[in-house]
Amino acid sequence: MAAWPVRLEATLPDGGALVLRGLRRRDRTQWLELRRTSWDWLKEWEPTFPHAGQQPKPFPEYIRHQAREARAGRQLPFAVEVDGRLCGAVNLSQIMEGALWGATAGYWCAPTHAGRGIVPLALATACDYAVGKRGLHRIEVNIRPDNTKSLAVVRKLGFRDEGLRERYLHIDGAWRDHRTFALTSEDLGGGTFADRLTRA
């Protein structure tokens, strides 16, 4: 079983306190309100369900599923908190061991917190834990070519563009093309993801 829950901390460029942690039952009201007020900002980039009958999980089931997947070592589902308030998430999912030892990262941030460098630092912090503590070799991020804000995040961290995957993920009601970006532990050259951010 993998270590979970995990709490990670970092300091934003403006001095704000960044915390990555698992969601808890008592986060329900704040989390659902955050998702509701951020929906117009997020819906264009949100995963959807291609098959009839599939629905998002209710919050209690959602956090139980996340914790179960995290303890099984298949996911690192971090809520992002700044100065004591939830503002987004970074999730390392599809963690594969064996010959791959990699994961896929996804992230989002509420519009009220955009522009503070929260997502790049949160992603770097989560990836440093995954590579440094969990021993992962490769982190990849898949981004729609028109998602300029998300593209800016991987560019700040120096992720390598590995090309286009056509109709790769079901997003906002249709199969969408994505570009794949990745970094391996060798790319870090003995440094960290956070080091790359400070050099950006």
Protein backbone atom coordinates (compact mmCIF):
# COMPACT_ATOMS: atom_id res chain seq x y z
CA MET A 1 0.00 0.00 0.00
CA ALA A 2 1.23 3.51 -0.85
CA ALA A 3 1.56 6.28 1.73
CA TRP A 4 -1.67 8.27 1.90
CA PRO A 5 -2.79 10.83 2.97
CA VAL A 6 0.14 13.02 1.93
CA ARG A 7 0.50 16.73 2.68
CA LEU A 8 2.95 18.87 0.70
CA GLU A 9 3.76 22.54 1.28
CA ALA A 10 5.43 25.30 -0.73
CA THR A 11 5.55 29.10 -0.84
CA LEU A 12 4.17 31.10 -3.76
CA PRO A 13 6.17 33.94 -5.34
CA ASP A 14 3.86 36.44 -3.61
CA GLY A 15 4.45 34.76 -0.23
CA GLY A 16 1.19 32.83 -0.13
CA ALA A 17 1.15 29.43 1.57
CA LEU A 18 0.48 26.59 -0.88
CA VAL A 19 -0.69 23.22 0.45
CA LEU A 20 -1.41 20.04 -1.49
CA ARG A 21 -3.51 17.47 0.36
CA GLY A 22 -6.28 14.96 -0.06
CA LEU A 23 -9.89 16.07 0.10
CA ARG A 24 -11.79 15.40 3.33
CA ARG A 25 -15.48 15.00 4.10
CA ARG A 26 -15.59 18.39 5.78
CA ASP A 27 -14.40 20.01 2.51
CA ARG A 28 -17.71 19.17 0.84
CA THR A 29 -19.41 22.58 1.06
CA GLN A 30 -16.32 24.58 0.12
CA TRP A 31 -15.36 22.19 -2.70
CA LEU A 32 -18.80 22.08 -4.31
CA GLU A 33 -19.09 25.86 -4.12
CA LEU A 34 -15.64 26.24 -5.68
CA ARG A 35 -16.61 23.93 -8.54
CA ARG A 36 -19.93 25.73 -9.03
CA THR A 37 -18.44 29.22 -9.14
CA SER A 38 -15.58 28.07 -11.41
CA TRP A 39 -17.69 26.08 -13.84
CA ASP A 40 -17.97 28.67 -16.64
CA TRP A 41 -14.18 28.99 -16.53
CA LEU A 42 -13.57 25.22 -16.51
CA LYS A 43 -16.31 23.54 -18.53
CA GLU A 44 -14.58 23.92 -21.91
CA TRP A 45 -11.68 21.78 -20.61
CA GLU A 46 -13.52 19.30 -18.39
CA PRO A 47 -13.60 15.54 -19.05
CA THR A 48 -17.01 14.20 -20.01
CA PHE A 49 -18.53 10.75 -20.37
CA PRO A 50 -18.84 9.26 -23.87
CA HIS A 51 -21.28 6.48 -22.85
CA ALA A 52 -24.88 6.90 -21.76
CA GLY A 53 -25.53 6.41 -18.07
CA GLN A 54 -22.11 7.47 -16.83
CA GLN A 55 -22.31 10.20 -14.21
CA PRO A 56 -19.90 12.04 -11.89
CA LYS A 57 -19.67 10.47 -8.44
CA PRO A 58 -21.40 12.17 -5.47
CA PHE A 59 -18.84 13.91 -3.22
CA PRO A 60 -18.62 11.23 -0.47
CA GLU A 61 -18.12 8.49 -3.04
CA TYR A 62 -15.69 10.71 -4.97
CA ILE A 63 -13.35 11.20 -2.02
CA ARG A 64 -13.60 7.53 -0.99
CA HIS A 65 -12.64 6.54 -4.53
CA GLN A 66 -9.70 8.97 -4.54
CA ALA A 67 -8.42 7.71 -1.20
CA ARG A 68 -8.78 4.07 -2.28
CA GLU A 69 -6.89 4.71 -5.53
CA ALA A 70 -4.19 6.67 -3.67
CA ARG A 71 -3.66 3.92 -1.08
CA ALA A 72 -3.44 1.40 -3.92
CA GLY A 73 -0.67 3.49 -5.47
CA ARG A 74 -2.60 4.26 -8.66
CA GLN A 75 -3.22 7.97 -8.07
CA LEU A 76 -2.02 11.07 -6.19
CA PRO A 77 -5.21 13.19 -5.97
CA PHE A 78 -4.19 16.51 -4.44
CA ALA A 79 -6.56 19.32 -3.63
CA VAL A 80 -4.79 22.69 -3.83
CA GLU A 81 -5.17 25.07 -0.92
CA VAL A 82 -3.78 28.61 -0.73
CA ASP A 83 -3.77 30.55 2.53
CA GLY A 84 -6.23 28.07 4.02
CA ARG A 85 -8.78 28.08 1.17
CA LEU A 86 -9.31 25.47 -1.53
CA CYS A 87 -8.67 26.81 -5.01
CA GLY A 88 -8.10 23.86 -7.36
CA ALA A 89 -6.49 20.46 -7.80
CA VAL A 90 -3.50 18.58 -9.18
CA ASN A 91 -4.01 14.89 -9.86
CA LEU A 92 -1.34 12.40 -10.87
CA SER A 93 -3.34 9.48 -12.19
CA GLN A 94 -2.79 6.27 -14.15
CA ILE A 95 0.33 5.61 -12.11
CA MET A 96 1.99 2.64 -13.76
CA GLU A 97 4.81 0.61 -12.29
CA GLY A 98 6.63 -2.22 -14.04
CA ALA A 99 8.54 -1.15 -17.14
CA LEU A 100 6.93 2.31 -17.30
CA TRP A 101 7.04 3.84 -13.80
CA GLY A 102 5.10 6.89 -14.91
CA ALA A 103 1.96 8.93 -14.39
CA THR A 104 -0.32 11.38 -16.16
CA ALA A 105 -0.87 14.79 -14.55
CA GLY A 106 -3.94 16.99 -14.72
CA TYR A 107 -4.68 20.27 -12.96
CA TRP A 108 -7.08 23.17 -12.62
CA CYS A 109 -7.40 26.40 -10.66
CA ALA A 110 -10.33 28.68 -9.87
CA PRO A 111 -10.44 31.96 -11.84
CA THR A 112 -10.31 33.88 -8.55
CA HIS A 113 -6.75 32.58 -8.04
CA ALA A 114 -5.43 32.75 -11.59
CA GLY A 115 -2.24 34.67 -12.32
CA ARG A 116 -0.46 33.97 -9.04
CA GLY A 117 1.68 31.08 -10.26
CA ILE A 118 -0.36 28.58 -8.23
CA VAL A 119 -0.74 25.86 -10.86
CA PRO A 120 2.92 25.74 -12.00
CA LEU A 121 4.12 25.52 -8.39
CA ALA A 122 1.45 23.00 -7.41
CA LEU A 123 2.31 20.80 -10.40
CA ALA A 124 6.05 21.07 -9.70
CA THR A 125 5.51 20.20 -6.02
CA ALA A 126 3.35 17.16 -6.84
CA CYS A 127 5.80 15.96 -9.52
CA ASP A 128 8.79 16.35 -7.21
CA TYR A 129 7.03 14.15 -4.67
CA ALA A 130 6.11 11.58 -7.33
CA VAL A 131 9.64 11.39 -8.75
CA GLY A 132 11.62 11.97 -5.55
CA LYS A 133 9.58 9.95 -3.04
CA ARG A 134 7.62 7.50 -5.18
CA GLY A 135 10.45 6.92 -7.66
CA LEU A 136 8.46 7.60 -10.82
CA HIS A 137 10.48 7.96 -14.01
CA ARG A 138 8.09 9.83 -16.32
CA ILE A 139 5.35 12.43 -15.91
CA GLU A 140 3.19 13.35 -18.88
CA VAL A 141 0.53 16.01 -19.39
CA ASN A 142 -2.03 15.93 -22.21
CA ILE A 143 -3.42 19.31 -23.27
CA ARG A 144 -5.84 20.48 -25.94
CA PRO A 145 -3.91 22.60 -28.47
CA ASP A 146 -6.22 25.59 -27.87
CA ASN A 147 -5.86 25.57 -24.07
CA THR A 148 -3.33 28.40 -23.91
CA LYS A 149 -3.34 28.70 -20.11
CA SER A 150 -2.51 25.04 -19.60
CA LEU A 151 0.13 25.15 -22.34
CA ALA A 152 1.80 28.03 -20.48
CA VAL A 153 2.10 25.84 -17.37
CA VAL A 154 4.05 23.05 -19.08
CA ARG A 155 6.22 25.57 -20.92
CA LYS A 156 7.18 27.22 -17.62
CA LEU A 157 8.32 23.83 -16.36
CA GLY A 158 10.11 22.93 -19.59
CA PHE A 159 8.05 19.86 -20.46
CA ARG A 160 9.02 18.35 -23.80
CA ASP A 161 6.39 18.43 -26.57
CA GLU A 162 5.97 14.86 -27.82
CA GLY A 163 3.36 15.54 -30.47
CA LEU A 164 -0.34 15.32 -31.23
CA ARG A 165 -2.72 12.56 -30.18
CA GLU A 166 -5.83 12.74 -32.32
CA ARG A 167 -9.24 12.38 -30.63
CA TYR A 168 -7.43 11.39 -27.45
CA LEU A 169 -9.81 12.35 -24.62
CA HIS A 170 -13.54 13.03 -24.32
CA ILE A 171 -13.69 16.67 -23.24
CA ASP A 172 -16.66 19.05 -23.17
CA GLY A 173 -18.87 16.54 -24.98
CA ALA A 174 -16.62 15.36 -27.82
CA TRP A 175 -13.41 13.46 -28.58
CA ARG A 176 -10.67 16.11 -28.66
CA ASP A 177 -7.12 16.19 -29.99
CA HIS A 178 -4.42 16.67 -27.36
CA ARG A 179 -0.72 17.42 -27.39
CA THR A 180 1.41 15.25 -25.11
CA PHE A 181 4.14 16.85 -23.00
CA ALA A 182 6.51 14.87 -20.78
CA LEU A 183 9.56 14.96 -18.56
CA THR A 184 11.61 12.06 -17.22
CA SER A 185 13.87 11.93 -14.20
CA GLU A 186 16.89 12.15 -16.53
CA ASP A 187 15.59 15.47 -17.87
CA LEU A 188 15.86 16.92 -14.38
CA GLY A 189 19.66 16.46 -14.41
CA GLY A 190 19.80 15.90 -10.67
CA GLY A 191 17.54 18.90 -9.98
CA THR A 192 13.82 19.18 -9.33
CA PHE A 193 10.69 20.35 -11.11
CA ALA A 194 10.64 23.33 -8.75
CA ASP A 195 14.20 24.24 -9.83
CA ARG A 196 12.96 24.46 -13.42
CA LEU A 197 10.21 26.79 -12.32
CA THR A 198 12.60 29.19 -10.62
CA ARG A 199 14.69 29.36 -13.81
CA ALA A 200 11.66 30.10 -16.02
